Amino acid sequence: MSLPIIIIVILAGLALVALEIVALPGAISGICGGILIITGVWQCYAQYGYVAGNITLLSSIVVGVIMLVWLMRSGTWKRFSLKEESDGKTNEIDNNAVTVGCRGKCISRLAPAGKALIGNEIMEVHSAGEYIDEGTEIEVIEIEGYKITVKKADN
């Protein structure tokens, strides 16, 4: 393997590691990048001896550290980070207000989850597997933790 090809292999490995850090979590590109870096350094030792191998190894480490510091300081993380707050919440179920058998009305379509008005509270509910249209009367059939399961009410 010639020296330009070794350098290209190492640079491709560093690029894959950078891609892993910035955009593609999951370790696949990072592992492939690491394999390319190790292969390039190993080939340099095998083809050009210990001095060239040590220089290549140290250069790869230095370039990798510089790349990591540059990625951290460049604001790249800000482009990928979530800037909005999530105002979602879980149901806070009052065991006295909502019990099995309580009735309510769907205020959104349950497909199979949605919103329903039970008593005076709007809650997230789940149907027992069927789709229930908005405005349909429902009945609570199960409360498991924060999950309320409902079915169409029998008239």
N, C-alpha and C. Protein backbone atom coordinates (compact mmCIF):
# COMPACT_ATOMS: atom_id res chain seq x y z
N MET A 1 0.86 -1.17 0.00
CA MET A 1 0.00 0.00 0.00
C MET A 1 0.91 1.24 0.00
N SER A 2 0.66 2.15 -0.92
CA SER A 2 1.51 3.34 -1.02
C SER A 2 1.14 4.36 0.06
N LEU A 3 2.04 5.29 0.29
CA LEU A 3 1.84 6.29 1.33
C LEU A 3 0.61 7.16 1.09
N PRO A 4 0.35 7.63 -0.13
CA PRO A 4 -0.88 8.42 -0.34
C PRO A 4 -2.16 7.62 -0.01
N ILE A 5 -2.17 6.34 -0.34
CA ILE A 5 -3.35 5.52 -0.04
C ILE A 5 -3.48 5.34 1.48
N ILE A 6 -2.37 5.16 2.19
CA ILE A 6 -2.41 5.05 3.65
C ILE A 6 -2.98 6.33 4.26
N ILE A 7 -2.55 7.48 3.77
CA ILE A 7 -3.04 8.76 4.29
C ILE A 7 -4.54 8.90 4.01
N ILE A 8 -4.97 8.51 2.81
CA ILE A 8 -6.40 8.59 2.48
C ILE A 8 -7.22 7.66 3.38
N VAL A 9 -6.70 6.47 3.64
CA VAL A 9 -7.41 5.52 4.51
C VAL A 9 -7.55 6.10 5.92
N ILE A 10 -6.50 6.67 6.44
CA ILE A 10 -6.55 7.26 7.78
C ILE A 10 -7.49 8.46 7.82
N LEU A 11 -7.42 9.32 6.81
CA LEU A 11 -8.32 10.48 6.77
C LEU A 11 -9.78 10.05 6.64
N ALA A 12 -10.04 9.01 5.86
CA ALA A 12 -11.41 8.49 5.75
C ALA A 12 -11.87 7.94 7.10
N GLY A 13 -10.98 7.27 7.82
CA GLY A 13 -11.32 6.78 9.15
C GLY A 13 -11.63 7.91 10.11
N LEU A 14 -10.82 8.96 10.07
CA LEU A 14 -11.08 10.12 10.93
C LEU A 14 -12.40 10.79 10.58
N ALA A 15 -12.71 10.85 9.28
CA ALA A 15 -13.98 11.44 8.86
C ALA A 15 -15.17 10.61 9.36
N LEU A 16 -15.05 9.30 9.31
CA LEU A 16 -16.13 8.44 9.82
C LEU A 16 -16.31 8.58 11.33
N VAL A 17 -15.20 8.71 12.04
CA VAL A 17 -15.29 8.92 13.49
C VAL A 17 -15.96 10.27 13.78
N ALA A 18 -15.60 11.31 13.03
CA ALA A 18 -16.23 12.62 13.21
C ALA A 18 -17.72 12.54 12.90
N LEU A 19 -18.08 11.82 11.86
CA LEU A 19 -19.48 11.64 11.51
C LEU A 19 -20.23 10.92 12.63
N GLU A 20 -19.59 9.96 13.25
CA GLU A 20 -20.18 9.25 14.38
C GLU A 20 -20.44 10.20 15.54
N ILE A 21 -19.49 11.06 15.82
CA ILE A 21 -19.62 11.98 16.94
C ILE A 21 -20.71 13.01 16.69
N VAL A 22 -20.80 13.53 15.47
CA VAL A 22 -21.69 14.64 15.18
C VAL A 22 -23.09 14.19 14.76
N ALA A 23 -23.19 13.22 13.87
CA ALA A 23 -24.49 13.00 13.24
C ALA A 23 -25.04 11.59 13.30
N LEU A 24 -24.24 10.58 13.38
CA LEU A 24 -24.75 9.22 13.26
C LEU A 24 -24.45 8.37 14.49
N PRO A 25 -25.19 8.56 15.57
CA PRO A 25 -24.95 7.69 16.73
C PRO A 25 -25.36 6.26 16.40
N GLY A 26 -24.74 5.34 17.03
CA GLY A 26 -25.07 3.94 16.80
C GLY A 26 -23.84 3.08 16.65
N ALA A 27 -22.67 3.67 16.58
CA ALA A 27 -21.37 3.01 16.62
C ALA A 27 -20.91 2.39 15.31
N ILE A 28 -21.77 2.27 14.30
CA ILE A 28 -21.34 1.62 13.06
C ILE A 28 -20.26 2.43 12.35
N SER A 29 -20.50 3.72 12.11
CA SER A 29 -19.50 4.52 11.41
C SER A 29 -18.26 4.72 12.27
N GLY A 30 -18.43 4.81 13.59
CA GLY A 30 -17.27 4.94 14.47
C GLY A 30 -16.39 3.71 14.45
N ILE A 31 -17.00 2.54 14.45
CA ILE A 31 -16.23 1.29 14.40
C ILE A 31 -15.52 1.17 13.05
N CYS A 32 -16.23 1.46 11.97
CA CYS A 32 -15.61 1.41 10.64
C CYS A 32 -14.46 2.41 10.54
N GLY A 33 -14.65 3.61 11.08
CA GLY A 33 -13.59 4.61 11.09
C GLY A 33 -12.39 4.15 11.89
N GLY A 34 -12.63 3.56 13.05
CA GLY A 34 -11.53 3.04 13.85
C GLY A 34 -10.77 1.94 13.14
N ILE A 35 -11.50 1.07 12.46
CA ILE A 35 -10.84 0.00 11.70
C ILE A 35 -9.98 0.58 10.58
N LEU A 36 -10.49 1.60 9.90
CA LEU A 36 -9.70 2.23 8.83
C LEU A 36 -8.44 2.89 9.39
N ILE A 37 -8.54 3.58 10.52
CA ILE A 37 -7.38 4.22 11.12
C ILE A 37 -6.34 3.18 11.52
N ILE A 38 -6.80 2.13 12.19
CA ILE A 38 -5.87 1.07 12.63
C ILE A 38 -5.22 0.40 11.42
N THR A 39 -6.00 0.16 10.37
CA THR A 39 -5.45 -0.46 9.16
C THR A 39 -4.39 0.43 8.52
N GLY A 40 -4.66 1.72 8.44
CA GLY A 40 -3.70 2.65 7.85
C GLY A 40 -2.40 2.71 8.65
N VAL A 41 -2.52 2.78 9.96
CA VAL A 41 -1.32 2.83 10.81
C VAL A 41 -0.55 1.51 10.71
N TRP A 42 -1.27 0.40 10.73
CA TRP A 42 -0.63 -0.91 10.65
C TRP A 42 0.10 -1.08 9.32
N GLN A 43 -0.53 -0.64 8.22
CA GLN A 43 0.12 -0.73 6.92
C GLN A 43 1.37 0.16 6.85
N CYS A 44 1.33 1.29 7.52
CA CYS A 44 2.51 2.16 7.53
C CYS A 44 3.66 1.48 8.28
N TYR A 45 3.35 0.84 9.41
CA TYR A 45 4.39 0.08 10.11
C TYR A 45 4.93 -1.04 9.22
N ALA A 46 4.02 -1.76 8.55
CA ALA A 46 4.44 -2.91 7.75
C ALA A 46 5.25 -2.48 6.52
N GLN A 47 4.87 -1.39 5.88
CA GLN A 47 5.52 -0.99 4.63
C GLN A 47 6.76 -0.12 4.85
N TYR A 48 6.75 0.76 5.85
CA TYR A 48 7.81 1.77 5.96
C TYR A 48 8.60 1.70 7.25
N GLY A 49 8.32 0.77 8.13
CA GLY A 49 9.11 0.58 9.33
C GLY A 49 8.57 1.33 10.55
N TYR A 50 9.34 1.20 11.64
CA TYR A 50 8.89 1.73 12.93
C TYR A 50 8.87 3.25 12.99
N VAL A 51 9.84 3.90 12.41
CA VAL A 51 9.89 5.36 12.49
C VAL A 51 8.68 5.97 11.78
N ALA A 52 8.42 5.56 10.55
CA ALA A 52 7.28 6.08 9.80
C ALA A 52 5.97 5.66 10.47
N GLY A 53 5.93 4.45 11.01
CA GLY A 53 4.73 3.98 11.70
C GLY A 53 4.44 4.81 12.94
N ASN A 54 5.50 5.11 13.73
CA ASN A 54 5.31 5.93 14.93
C ASN A 54 4.87 7.34 14.57
N ILE A 55 5.46 7.90 13.51
CA ILE A 55 5.06 9.25 13.06
C ILE A 55 3.59 9.24 12.63
N THR A 56 3.19 8.22 11.89
CA THR A 56 1.81 8.11 11.43
C THR A 56 0.85 7.94 12.61
N LEU A 57 1.22 7.10 13.56
CA LEU A 57 0.39 6.88 14.74
C LEU A 57 0.21 8.17 15.54
N LEU A 58 1.31 8.87 15.82
CA LEU A 58 1.23 10.12 16.57
C LEU A 58 0.47 11.19 15.80
N SER A 59 0.69 11.25 14.49
CA SER A 59 -0.04 12.22 13.66
C SER A 59 -1.54 11.94 13.69
N SER A 60 -1.90 10.68 13.61
CA SER A 60 -3.33 10.31 13.65
C SER A 60 -3.96 10.70 14.99
N ILE A 61 -3.24 10.48 16.06
CA ILE A 61 -3.75 10.85 17.39
C ILE A 61 -3.91 12.36 17.51
N VAL A 62 -2.88 13.10 17.08
CA VAL A 62 -2.93 14.56 17.16
C VAL A 62 -4.06 15.12 16.30
N VAL A 63 -4.18 14.64 15.07
CA VAL A 63 -5.24 15.12 14.19
C VAL A 63 -6.61 14.75 14.77
N GLY A 64 -6.73 13.56 15.34
CA GLY A 64 -7.99 13.15 15.96
C GLY A 64 -8.38 14.03 17.13
N VAL A 65 -7.41 14.37 17.98
CA VAL A 65 -7.69 15.24 19.12
C VAL A 65 -8.04 16.65 18.65
N ILE A 66 -7.30 17.17 17.68
CA ILE A 66 -7.61 18.51 17.14
C ILE A 66 -9.01 18.52 16.53
N MET A 67 -9.34 17.47 15.80
CA MET A 67 -10.67 17.37 15.18
C MET A 67 -11.76 17.34 16.25
N LEU A 68 -11.54 16.58 17.31
CA LEU A 68 -12.52 16.48 18.39
C LEU A 68 -12.70 17.82 19.09
N VAL A 69 -11.61 18.51 19.39
CA VAL A 69 -11.70 19.83 20.03
C VAL A 69 -12.40 20.82 19.11
N TRP A 70 -12.07 20.80 17.82
CA TRP A 70 -12.70 21.70 16.86
C TRP A 70 -14.21 21.43 16.76
N LEU A 71 -14.60 20.15 16.72
CA LEU A 71 -16.02 19.82 16.66
C LEU A 71 -16.77 20.29 17.90
N MET A 72 -16.14 20.18 19.05
CA MET A 72 -16.78 20.60 20.30
C MET A 72 -16.93 22.11 20.38
N ARG A 73 -15.95 22.84 19.91
CA ARG A 73 -15.96 24.30 20.02
C ARG A 73 -16.65 25.02 18.87
N SER A 74 -16.86 24.34 17.76
CA SER A 74 -17.37 25.02 16.57
C SER A 74 -18.87 25.31 16.61
N GLY A 75 -19.55 24.81 17.59
CA GLY A 75 -20.99 25.03 17.64
C GLY A 75 -21.76 24.02 16.82
N THR A 76 -21.08 22.98 16.35
CA THR A 76 -21.76 21.95 15.57
C THR A 76 -22.88 21.32 16.37
N TRP A 77 -22.69 21.17 17.66
CA TRP A 77 -23.70 20.54 18.53
C TRP A 77 -24.97 21.37 18.55
N LYS A 78 -24.84 22.70 18.47
CA LYS A 78 -26.02 23.56 18.55
C LYS A 78 -26.95 23.35 17.37
N ARG A 79 -26.40 23.00 16.22
CA ARG A 79 -27.25 22.76 15.04
C ARG A 79 -28.07 21.50 15.17
N PHE A 80 -27.60 20.55 15.97
CA PHE A 80 -28.29 19.28 16.10
C PHE A 80 -29.10 19.17 17.39
N SER A 81 -28.97 20.14 18.28
CA SER A 81 -29.64 20.04 19.57
C SER A 81 -31.07 20.57 19.50
N LEU A 82 -31.89 20.07 20.39
CA LEU A 82 -33.29 20.50 20.48
C LEU A 82 -33.34 21.84 21.19
N LYS A 83 -34.02 22.81 20.57
CA LYS A 83 -34.07 24.15 21.14
C LYS A 83 -35.43 24.46 21.76
N GLU A 84 -36.39 23.60 21.57
CA GLU A 84 -37.72 23.85 22.10
C GLU A 84 -37.94 23.04 23.37
N GLU A 85 -38.76 23.58 24.24
CA GLU A 85 -39.12 22.86 25.44
C GLU A 85 -40.30 21.95 25.17
N SER A 86 -40.30 20.82 25.81
CA SER A 86 -41.42 19.90 25.69
C SER A 86 -42.35 20.17 26.86
N ASP A 87 -43.60 20.49 26.56
CA ASP A 87 -44.54 20.77 27.64
C ASP A 87 -45.51 19.62 27.84
N GLY A 88 -45.14 18.46 27.34
CA GLY A 88 -45.99 17.28 27.52
C GLY A 88 -46.00 16.86 28.98
N LYS A 89 -47.03 16.16 29.36
CA LYS A 89 -47.12 15.69 30.73
C LYS A 89 -47.82 14.35 30.75
N THR A 90 -47.64 13.66 31.83
CA THR A 90 -48.35 12.40 32.01
C THR A 90 -49.62 12.66 32.79
N ASN A 91 -50.52 11.72 32.71
CA ASN A 91 -51.75 11.86 33.48
C ASN A 91 -51.45 11.81 34.97
N GLU A 92 -52.01 12.74 35.70
CA GLU A 92 -51.94 12.68 37.15
C GLU A 92 -53.33 12.21 37.59
N ILE A 93 -53.41 10.92 37.86
CA ILE A 93 -54.71 10.31 38.08
C ILE A 93 -55.08 10.38 39.55
N ASP A 94 -56.20 11.04 39.82
CA ASP A 94 -56.76 11.07 41.15
C ASP A 94 -57.65 9.84 41.28
N ASN A 95 -57.25 8.91 42.14
CA ASN A 95 -57.98 7.65 42.24
C ASN A 95 -59.44 7.84 42.65
N ASN A 96 -59.77 8.94 43.29
CA ASN A 96 -61.15 9.19 43.68
C ASN A 96 -61.96 9.78 42.52
N ALA A 97 -61.29 10.50 41.61
CA ALA A 97 -61.99 11.16 40.51
C ALA A 97 -62.18 10.23 39.31
N VAL A 98 -61.18 9.42 39.01
CA VAL A 98 -61.25 8.53 37.86
C VAL A 98 -61.09 7.10 38.34
N THR A 99 -62.09 6.31 38.11
CA THR A 99 -62.06 4.90 38.49
C THR A 99 -62.60 4.08 37.33
N VAL A 100 -62.41 2.78 37.42
CA VAL A 100 -62.96 1.88 36.42
C VAL A 100 -64.48 2.03 36.44
N GLY A 101 -65.05 2.20 35.26
CA GLY A 101 -66.49 2.40 35.14
C GLY A 101 -66.90 3.84 34.91
N CYS A 102 -65.98 4.79 35.15
CA CYS A 102 -66.29 6.20 34.89
C CYS A 102 -66.54 6.38 33.40
N ARG A 103 -67.42 7.34 33.09
CA ARG A 103 -67.74 7.63 31.69
C ARG A 103 -67.22 9.01 31.32
N GLY A 104 -66.98 9.17 30.03
CA GLY A 104 -66.51 10.45 29.52
C GLY A 104 -66.80 10.55 28.04
N LYS A 105 -66.13 11.50 27.40
CA LYS A 105 -66.36 11.76 25.99
C LYS A 105 -65.02 12.03 25.31
N CYS A 106 -64.82 11.44 24.13
CA CYS A 106 -63.59 11.66 23.36
C CYS A 106 -63.58 13.09 22.83
N ILE A 107 -62.48 13.79 23.02
CA ILE A 107 -62.36 15.12 22.42
C ILE A 107 -61.39 15.10 21.25
N SER A 108 -60.77 13.93 21.00
CA SER A 108 -59.99 13.70 19.79
C SER A 108 -60.18 12.23 19.41
N ARG A 109 -59.84 11.90 18.22
CA ARG A 109 -59.98 10.51 17.77
C ARG A 109 -58.97 9.64 18.51
N LEU A 110 -59.42 8.50 19.00
CA LEU A 110 -58.52 7.55 19.65
C LEU A 110 -58.05 6.57 18.59
N ALA A 111 -56.78 6.65 18.24
CA ALA A 111 -56.26 5.81 17.16
C ALA A 111 -54.90 5.23 17.52
N PRO A 112 -54.73 4.40 18.46
CA PRO A 112 -55.63 4.03 19.53
C PRO A 112 -55.50 4.92 20.76
N ALA A 113 -54.68 5.96 20.70
CA ALA A 113 -54.55 6.88 21.83
C ALA A 113 -55.05 8.26 21.43
N GLY A 114 -55.49 9.02 22.41
CA GLY A 114 -55.97 10.36 22.16
C GLY A 114 -56.40 11.02 23.45
N LYS A 115 -57.18 12.07 23.34
CA LYS A 115 -57.62 12.84 24.51
C LYS A 115 -59.11 12.60 24.76
N ALA A 116 -59.46 12.60 26.03
CA ALA A 116 -60.86 12.45 26.41
C ALA A 116 -61.14 13.31 27.63
N LEU A 117 -62.39 13.72 27.76
CA LEU A 117 -62.85 14.48 28.91
C LEU A 117 -63.55 13.50 29.84
N ILE A 118 -62.93 13.28 30.99
CA ILE A 118 -63.51 12.38 31.99
C ILE A 118 -63.71 13.21 33.24
N GLY A 119 -64.95 13.34 33.67
CA GLY A 119 -65.27 14.25 34.76
C GLY A 119 -65.03 15.66 34.26
N ASN A 120 -64.19 16.40 34.91
CA ASN A 120 -63.83 17.75 34.47
C ASN A 120 -62.39 17.83 34.00
N GLU A 121 -61.76 16.68 33.78
CA GLU A 121 -60.34 16.62 33.42
C GLU A 121 -60.16 16.12 32.00
N ILE A 122 -59.26 16.76 31.26
CA ILE A 122 -58.85 16.26 29.95
C ILE A 122 -57.65 15.35 30.17
N MET A 123 -57.76 14.10 29.71
CA MET A 123 -56.72 13.11 29.96
C MET A 123 -56.36 12.38 28.68
N GLU A 124 -55.14 11.88 28.65
CA GLU A 124 -54.74 11.01 27.55
C GLU A 124 -55.24 9.62 27.88
N VAL A 125 -55.94 9.03 26.93
CA VAL A 125 -56.50 7.69 27.11
C VAL A 125 -56.14 6.82 25.92
N HIS A 126 -56.26 5.53 26.12
CA HIS A 126 -55.97 4.55 25.09
C HIS A 126 -57.19 3.66 24.92
N SER A 127 -57.54 3.38 23.68
CA SER A 127 -58.65 2.47 23.45
C SER A 127 -58.14 1.03 23.60
N ALA A 128 -59.07 0.14 23.71
CA ALA A 128 -58.72 -1.27 23.88
C ALA A 128 -58.46 -1.91 22.52
N GLY A 129 -57.82 -1.21 21.61
CA GLY A 129 -57.44 -1.76 20.32
C GLY A 129 -58.25 -1.24 19.17
N GLU A 130 -59.40 -0.66 19.41
CA GLU A 130 -60.24 -0.16 18.32
C GLU A 130 -60.07 1.34 18.17
N TYR A 131 -60.45 1.86 17.02
CA TYR A 131 -60.46 3.29 16.78
C TYR A 131 -61.80 3.83 17.26
N ILE A 132 -61.74 4.93 17.98
CA ILE A 132 -62.95 5.56 18.50
C ILE A 132 -62.96 7.01 18.02
N ASP A 133 -64.05 7.41 17.39
CA ASP A 133 -64.16 8.74 16.82
C ASP A 133 -64.39 9.80 17.88
N GLU A 134 -64.04 11.03 17.52
CA GLU A 134 -64.26 12.19 18.38
C GLU A 134 -65.75 12.34 18.69
N GLY A 135 -66.07 12.70 19.94
CA GLY A 135 -67.45 12.91 20.35
C GLY A 135 -68.15 11.66 20.85
N THR A 136 -67.50 10.51 20.76
CA THR A 136 -68.09 9.25 21.20
C THR A 136 -68.02 9.13 22.71
N GLU A 137 -69.10 8.63 23.30
CA GLU A 137 -69.11 8.35 24.74
C GLU A 137 -68.22 7.14 25.02
N ILE A 138 -67.40 7.25 26.08
CA ILE A 138 -66.48 6.17 26.43
C ILE A 138 -66.65 5.78 27.89
N GLU A 139 -66.08 4.61 28.22
CA GLU A 139 -66.11 4.11 29.59
C GLU A 139 -64.73 3.59 29.94
N VAL A 140 -64.25 3.93 31.14
CA VAL A 140 -62.93 3.48 31.60
C VAL A 140 -63.04 2.00 31.97
N ILE A 141 -62.17 1.17 31.37
CA ILE A 141 -62.19 -0.26 31.69
C ILE A 141 -60.95 -0.71 32.46
N GLU A 142 -59.88 0.11 32.45
CA GLU A 142 -58.68 -0.28 33.18
C GLU A 142 -57.81 0.95 33.44
N ILE A 143 -57.22 0.99 34.62
CA ILE A 143 -56.23 2.02 34.96
C ILE A 143 -54.99 1.28 35.44
N GLU A 144 -53.91 1.45 34.68
CA GLU A 144 -52.66 0.76 35.00
C GLU A 144 -51.56 1.81 35.08
N GLY A 145 -51.19 2.20 36.29
CA GLY A 145 -50.21 3.28 36.45
C GLY A 145 -50.81 4.58 35.96
N TYR A 146 -50.18 5.17 34.92
CA TYR A 146 -50.68 6.41 34.34
C TYR A 146 -51.46 6.16 33.04
N LYS A 147 -51.66 4.92 32.70
CA LYS A 147 -52.35 4.59 31.45
C LYS A 147 -53.81 4.26 31.74
N ILE A 148 -54.68 4.98 31.04
CA ILE A 148 -56.12 4.77 31.19
C ILE A 148 -56.62 4.12 29.90
N THR A 149 -57.20 2.94 30.03
CA THR A 149 -57.74 2.23 28.87
C THR A 149 -59.26 2.36 28.89
N VAL A 150 -59.81 2.68 27.69
CA VAL A 150 -61.27 2.91 27.59
C VAL A 150 -61.85 2.07 26.45
N LYS A 151 -63.18 2.00 26.44
CA LYS A 151 -63.91 1.39 25.34
C LYS A 151 -65.15 2.24 25.07
N LYS A 152 -65.82 2.00 23.95
CA LYS A 152 -67.07 2.69 23.66
C LYS A 152 -68.06 2.33 24.76
N ALA A 153 -68.77 3.34 25.22
CA ALA A 153 -69.74 3.12 26.30
C ALA A 153 -70.96 2.37 25.75
N ASP A 154 -71.46 1.44 26.57
CA ASP A 154 -72.69 0.73 26.24
C ASP A 154 -73.86 1.64 26.59
N ASN A 155 -74.77 1.86 25.68
CA ASN A 155 -75.89 2.77 25.93
C ASN A 155 -76.99 2.07 26.60
